[in-house]
N, C-alpha and C. Protein backbone atom coordinates (compact mmCIF):
# COMPACT_ATOMS: atom_id res chain seq x y z
N MET A 1 -25.07 10.00 0.96
CA MET A 1 -23.69 9.41 -0.02
C MET A 1 -22.89 11.00 0.58
N PRO A 2 -21.71 11.10 0.32
CA PRO A 2 -20.50 11.65 0.29
C PRO A 2 -20.34 12.45 -0.48
N ASP A 3 -19.44 13.75 -0.61
CA ASP A 3 -19.58 14.32 -2.17
C ASP A 3 -17.88 14.38 -2.58
N LEU A 4 -18.25 15.02 -3.83
CA LEU A 4 -17.03 14.67 -4.64
C LEU A 4 -15.90 15.19 -3.99
N LEU A 5 -15.67 15.69 -3.49
CA LEU A 5 -14.47 16.34 -2.50
C LEU A 5 -14.32 15.25 -1.25
N THR A 6 -14.84 15.00 -0.58
CA THR A 6 -14.54 13.73 0.19
C THR A 6 -14.67 12.38 -0.51
N LEU A 7 -15.09 12.14 -1.54
CA LEU A 7 -14.54 10.47 -1.94
C LEU A 7 -12.84 11.13 -2.83
N THR A 8 -12.44 12.07 -3.42
CA THR A 8 -11.88 12.27 -3.58
C THR A 8 -10.49 11.97 -3.35
N LEU A 9 -10.63 12.57 -1.80
CA LEU A 9 -9.95 12.92 -0.89
C LEU A 9 -9.43 11.67 0.17
N VAL A 10 -10.24 10.73 0.20
CA VAL A 10 -10.38 9.57 0.57
C VAL A 10 -9.84 8.64 -0.50
N MET A 11 -9.82 8.88 -2.02
CA MET A 11 -9.54 7.98 -2.91
C MET A 11 -7.90 8.16 -2.58
N GLY A 12 -7.51 9.35 -2.50
CA GLY A 12 -6.08 10.28 -2.06
C GLY A 12 -5.22 9.55 -1.09
N ALA A 13 -6.13 9.19 0.48
CA ALA A 13 -5.78 8.86 1.36
C ALA A 13 -5.56 6.87 0.47
N GLY A 14 -6.32 6.90 0.35
CA GLY A 14 -5.98 4.97 -0.01
C GLY A 14 -4.92 5.31 -1.38
N ALA A 15 -4.55 6.05 -2.15
CA ALA A 15 -3.24 6.17 -2.54
C ALA A 15 -1.75 5.91 -1.59
N VAL A 16 -2.16 7.20 -0.66
CA VAL A 16 -1.20 7.02 0.08
C VAL A 16 -1.00 5.70 1.03
N LEU A 17 -1.99 4.95 1.58
CA LEU A 17 -2.06 3.83 1.99
C LEU A 17 -1.39 2.73 1.17
N GLY A 18 -1.72 2.79 0.54
CA GLY A 18 -1.17 1.84 -0.31
C GLY A 18 0.40 1.89 -1.26
N MET A 19 0.57 3.39 -1.60
CA MET A 19 2.49 3.27 -1.85
C MET A 19 3.01 3.01 -0.29
N GLY A 20 2.56 2.89 0.63
CA GLY A 20 3.18 2.63 1.62
C GLY A 20 3.40 1.16 1.89
N PHE A 21 1.61 0.08 1.40
CA PHE A 21 2.22 -0.72 1.43
C PHE A 21 2.78 -1.33 0.58
N TYR A 22 2.69 -1.23 -0.77
CA TYR A 22 3.55 -1.67 -2.17
C TYR A 22 5.07 -1.29 -1.67
N GLY A 23 5.43 -0.06 -1.61
CA GLY A 23 6.77 0.69 -1.45
C GLY A 23 7.92 0.06 -0.49
N GLY A 24 6.81 -0.19 0.61
CA GLY A 24 7.33 -1.14 2.35
C GLY A 24 7.36 -2.55 1.37
N LEU A 25 7.05 -3.55 0.90
CA LEU A 25 6.88 -4.97 0.43
C LEU A 25 8.39 -4.44 -0.89
N TRP A 26 8.22 -4.26 -1.59
CA TRP A 26 9.02 -3.62 -2.43
C TRP A 26 10.96 -3.44 -1.28
N TRP A 27 10.61 -2.36 -0.56
CA TRP A 27 11.83 -2.10 0.52
C TRP A 27 12.04 -3.70 1.29
N THR A 28 11.16 -4.50 1.64
CA THR A 28 11.47 -5.92 2.55
C THR A 28 11.95 -6.66 1.71
N VAL A 29 11.61 -6.49 0.18
CA VAL A 29 12.33 -7.67 -0.69
C VAL A 29 13.60 -7.62 -1.04
N ARG A 30 13.86 -6.00 -1.12
CA ARG A 30 15.34 -5.70 -1.39
C ARG A 30 16.20 -6.49 -0.02
N ARG A 31 15.80 -5.68 1.35
CA ARG A 31 16.14 -6.35 2.53
C ARG A 31 16.29 -7.58 2.20
N GLY A 32 15.20 -8.05 2.43
CA GLY A 32 15.30 -9.51 2.93
C GLY A 32 16.21 -10.45 2.34
N PHE A 33 16.41 -10.44 1.16
CA PHE A 33 17.68 -10.99 0.03
C PHE A 33 18.57 -11.35 0.71
N VAL A 34 19.04 -10.40 1.10
CA VAL A 34 20.38 -10.20 1.26
C VAL A 34 20.50 -9.88 3.28
N SER A 35 19.40 -10.57 3.71
CA SER A 35 19.44 -10.23 5.25
C SER A 35 19.95 -11.81 5.04
N PRO A 36 20.46 -12.05 6.95
CA PRO A 36 20.53 -13.84 7.35
C PRO A 36 19.95 -14.98 7.86
N ARG A 37 18.62 -13.74 8.37
CA ARG A 37 17.50 -14.40 8.56
C ARG A 37 16.09 -12.65 7.73
N PRO A 38 15.91 -13.83 6.18
CA PRO A 38 14.84 -13.27 5.44
C PRO A 38 13.51 -13.42 5.78
N ALA A 39 13.42 -14.65 6.88
CA ALA A 39 11.82 -14.83 7.44
C ALA A 39 11.47 -13.85 8.22
N LEU A 40 12.49 -13.50 9.18
CA LEU A 40 11.88 -12.38 10.02
C LEU A 40 11.53 -11.01 9.43
N TRP A 41 12.28 -10.81 7.94
CA TRP A 41 11.94 -9.58 7.87
C TRP A 41 10.84 -9.61 7.06
N PHE A 42 10.44 -10.96 6.04
CA PHE A 42 8.89 -10.95 5.68
C PHE A 42 8.00 -11.15 6.02
N ALA A 43 8.13 -11.63 7.27
CA ALA A 43 7.18 -11.82 8.63
C ALA A 43 6.79 -10.83 9.19
N GLY A 44 7.49 -9.83 9.80
CA GLY A 44 8.04 -8.51 10.14
C GLY A 44 6.94 -7.63 9.53
N SER A 45 7.58 -7.19 8.14
CA SER A 45 6.93 -6.76 7.54
C SER A 45 5.24 -7.14 7.12
N LEU A 46 5.27 -8.21 6.90
CA LEU A 46 3.57 -8.21 6.24
C LEU A 46 3.30 -7.81 7.71
N ILE A 47 3.21 -8.44 9.22
CA ILE A 47 2.18 -8.18 9.93
C ILE A 47 1.95 -6.85 9.95
N LEU A 48 3.08 -5.75 9.71
CA LEU A 48 3.15 -4.50 9.98
C LEU A 48 2.36 -3.42 8.90
N ARG A 49 2.79 -4.41 7.89
CA ARG A 49 2.35 -3.40 6.10
C ARG A 49 0.96 -3.65 6.49
N MET A 50 0.32 -5.05 6.72
CA MET A 50 -1.64 -5.45 7.14
C MET A 50 -1.79 -5.10 7.79
N SER A 51 -1.08 -4.53 9.05
CA SER A 51 -1.79 -3.71 10.66
C SER A 51 -2.16 -2.06 10.00
N LEU A 52 -1.03 -1.87 9.37
CA LEU A 52 -1.65 -0.11 8.79
C LEU A 52 -2.35 0.18 8.26
N THR A 53 -2.30 -0.77 6.97
CA THR A 53 -2.87 -0.34 6.03
C THR A 53 -4.28 -0.78 6.39
N LEU A 54 -4.74 -1.93 7.19
CA LEU A 54 -6.12 -2.33 7.23
C LEU A 54 -7.12 -1.14 8.60
N TYR A 55 -5.61 -0.87 9.60
CA TYR A 55 -6.04 0.28 10.25
C TYR A 55 -6.70 1.25 9.49
N GLY A 56 -5.72 1.86 8.76
CA GLY A 56 -5.62 3.48 7.91
C GLY A 56 -7.35 3.35 6.52
N LEU A 57 -7.83 2.32 6.14
CA LEU A 57 -8.88 1.54 5.46
C LEU A 57 -9.84 1.97 6.25
N TYR A 58 -10.02 1.26 7.51
CA TYR A 58 -10.94 0.99 8.19
C TYR A 58 -11.13 2.75 8.88
N LEU A 59 -9.82 3.52 8.92
CA LEU A 59 -10.22 4.74 9.60
C LEU A 59 -10.70 5.85 8.29
N ILE A 60 -10.05 5.47 7.73
CA ILE A 60 -10.88 6.36 6.11
C ILE A 60 -12.64 5.51 5.55
N GLY A 61 -12.66 4.39 5.56
CA GLY A 61 -13.22 4.01 5.08
C GLY A 61 -15.10 4.91 5.24
N GLY A 62 -14.73 4.44 7.58
CA GLY A 62 -15.87 4.37 8.21
C GLY A 62 -17.07 3.84 7.58
N THR A 63 -18.45 3.79 7.81
CA THR A 63 -19.64 3.23 7.45
C THR A 63 -20.04 3.23 6.12
N ALA A 64 -19.46 4.03 4.87
CA ALA A 64 -19.84 4.19 4.39
C ALA A 64 -19.67 3.44 3.66
N TRP A 65 -20.21 3.23 2.33
CA TRP A 65 -19.54 1.77 1.54
C TRP A 65 -18.84 2.30 0.09
N PRO A 66 -20.05 3.69 0.16
CA PRO A 66 -18.79 4.56 -1.80
C PRO A 66 -17.50 5.17 -0.59
N ARG A 67 -17.10 5.41 0.32
CA ARG A 67 -15.72 5.75 1.19
C ARG A 67 -14.76 4.65 0.58
N TRP A 68 -15.03 3.64 1.13
CA TRP A 68 -14.80 2.00 1.40
C TRP A 68 -14.18 1.41 -0.55
N LEU A 69 -14.84 1.98 -1.38
CA LEU A 69 -15.11 1.56 -2.60
C LEU A 69 -13.21 2.97 -3.24
N ALA A 70 -13.87 3.70 -2.89
CA ALA A 70 -12.56 5.24 -3.18
C ALA A 70 -11.38 4.64 -2.80
N ALA A 71 -11.39 4.22 -0.81
CA ALA A 71 -10.08 4.21 -0.74
C ALA A 71 -9.48 3.05 -0.94
N VAL A 72 -10.45 2.00 -2.08
CA VAL A 72 -9.61 0.41 -2.41
C VAL A 72 -8.96 0.81 -3.85
N VAL A 73 -10.01 2.06 -4.58
CA VAL A 73 -9.64 2.17 -5.80
C VAL A 73 -8.06 2.66 -6.40
N GLY A 74 -8.10 4.21 -5.02
CA GLY A 74 -6.72 4.93 -4.56
C GLY A 74 -5.36 3.48 -3.84
N PHE A 75 -5.94 2.91 -3.59
CA PHE A 75 -5.01 1.53 -2.85
C PHE A 75 -4.36 0.91 -3.91
N ALA A 76 -5.45 0.78 -5.46
CA ALA A 76 -5.06 -0.30 -6.56
C ALA A 76 -4.42 0.49 -7.56
N LEU A 77 -4.61 1.17 -7.58
CA LEU A 77 -3.79 2.84 -8.07
C LEU A 77 -2.21 3.35 -7.34
N ALA A 78 -2.19 2.98 -6.29
CA ALA A 78 -1.05 3.06 -5.74
C ALA A 78 -0.24 1.68 -6.39
N ARG A 79 -1.00 1.12 -6.62
CA ARG A 79 0.30 -0.09 -7.14
C ARG A 79 0.66 -0.34 -7.99
N LEU A 80 -0.01 0.24 -9.40
CA LEU A 80 0.02 0.80 -10.45
C LEU A 80 1.41 1.41 -10.54
N VAL A 81 1.39 2.79 -9.60
CA VAL A 81 2.29 3.70 -9.29
C VAL A 81 3.36 3.30 -9.38
N VAL A 82 3.52 2.50 -7.94
CA VAL A 82 5.24 1.85 -7.01
C VAL A 82 5.61 0.82 -7.83
N GLN A 83 5.01 0.29 -8.93
CA GLN A 83 5.06 -1.21 -9.64
C GLN A 83 5.95 -0.22 -11.34
N ARG A 84 5.26 0.75 -11.44
CA ARG A 84 6.51 1.52 -12.82
C ARG A 84 7.40 2.27 -12.24
N ALA A 85 6.95 3.17 -10.61
CA ALA A 85 8.17 3.40 -10.26
C ALA A 85 9.85 2.14 -9.75
N THR A 86 9.36 0.85 -9.62
CA THR A 86 10.09 0.29 -9.06
C THR A 86 11.01 -0.78 -10.63
N ALA A 87 9.88 -0.65 -12.22
CA ALA A 87 10.18 -1.02 -12.57
C ALA A 87 11.31 -1.00 -12.80
N GLY A 88 12.40 -0.34 -13.59
CA GLY A 88 13.41 -0.05 -13.82
C GLY A 88 14.66 -0.48 -13.10
N GLU A 89 14.39 -0.39 -11.22
CA GLU A 89 15.43 -1.81 -10.70
C GLU A 89 15.21 -2.97 -10.38
N ALA A 90 14.31 -3.04 -11.48
CA ALA A 90 13.81 -4.78 -11.20
C ALA A 90 14.70 -5.42 -12.52
N ARG A 91 14.36 -5.11 -13.90
CA ARG A 91 15.36 -5.32 -14.41
C ARG A 91 17.43 -5.22 -14.58
N HIS A 92 17.53 -4.36 -13.76
CA HIS A 92 19.06 -3.61 -13.35
C HIS A 92 19.18 -4.93 -12.25
N ALA A 93 18.42 -5.70 -11.31
CA ALA A 93 18.86 -6.65 -10.32
C ALA A 93 19.35 -7.98 -10.96
N ALA A 94 18.24 -8.05 -12.17
CA ALA A 94 18.33 -9.48 -13.02
C ALA A 94 19.31 -9.64 -13.77
């Protein structure tokens, strides 16, 4: 079993991955709607974001399920952070 410090660092790394993933999604939506080729933006962004996220989770998760769980919890918490950070802009855009 990994110790508490390792799990905390892994959770932080998962949060960084999540912020990159969801921040990249937010950026893609903003750019994609004004682009003449939105399908290219959305497809390219999806492939890039998923590839980086899965590779990052694979690296930090290793073979221990507690590390995977901590990384996924950090990833999920990052969604809430990005959602709150971008909520004001969503209201202004409507």
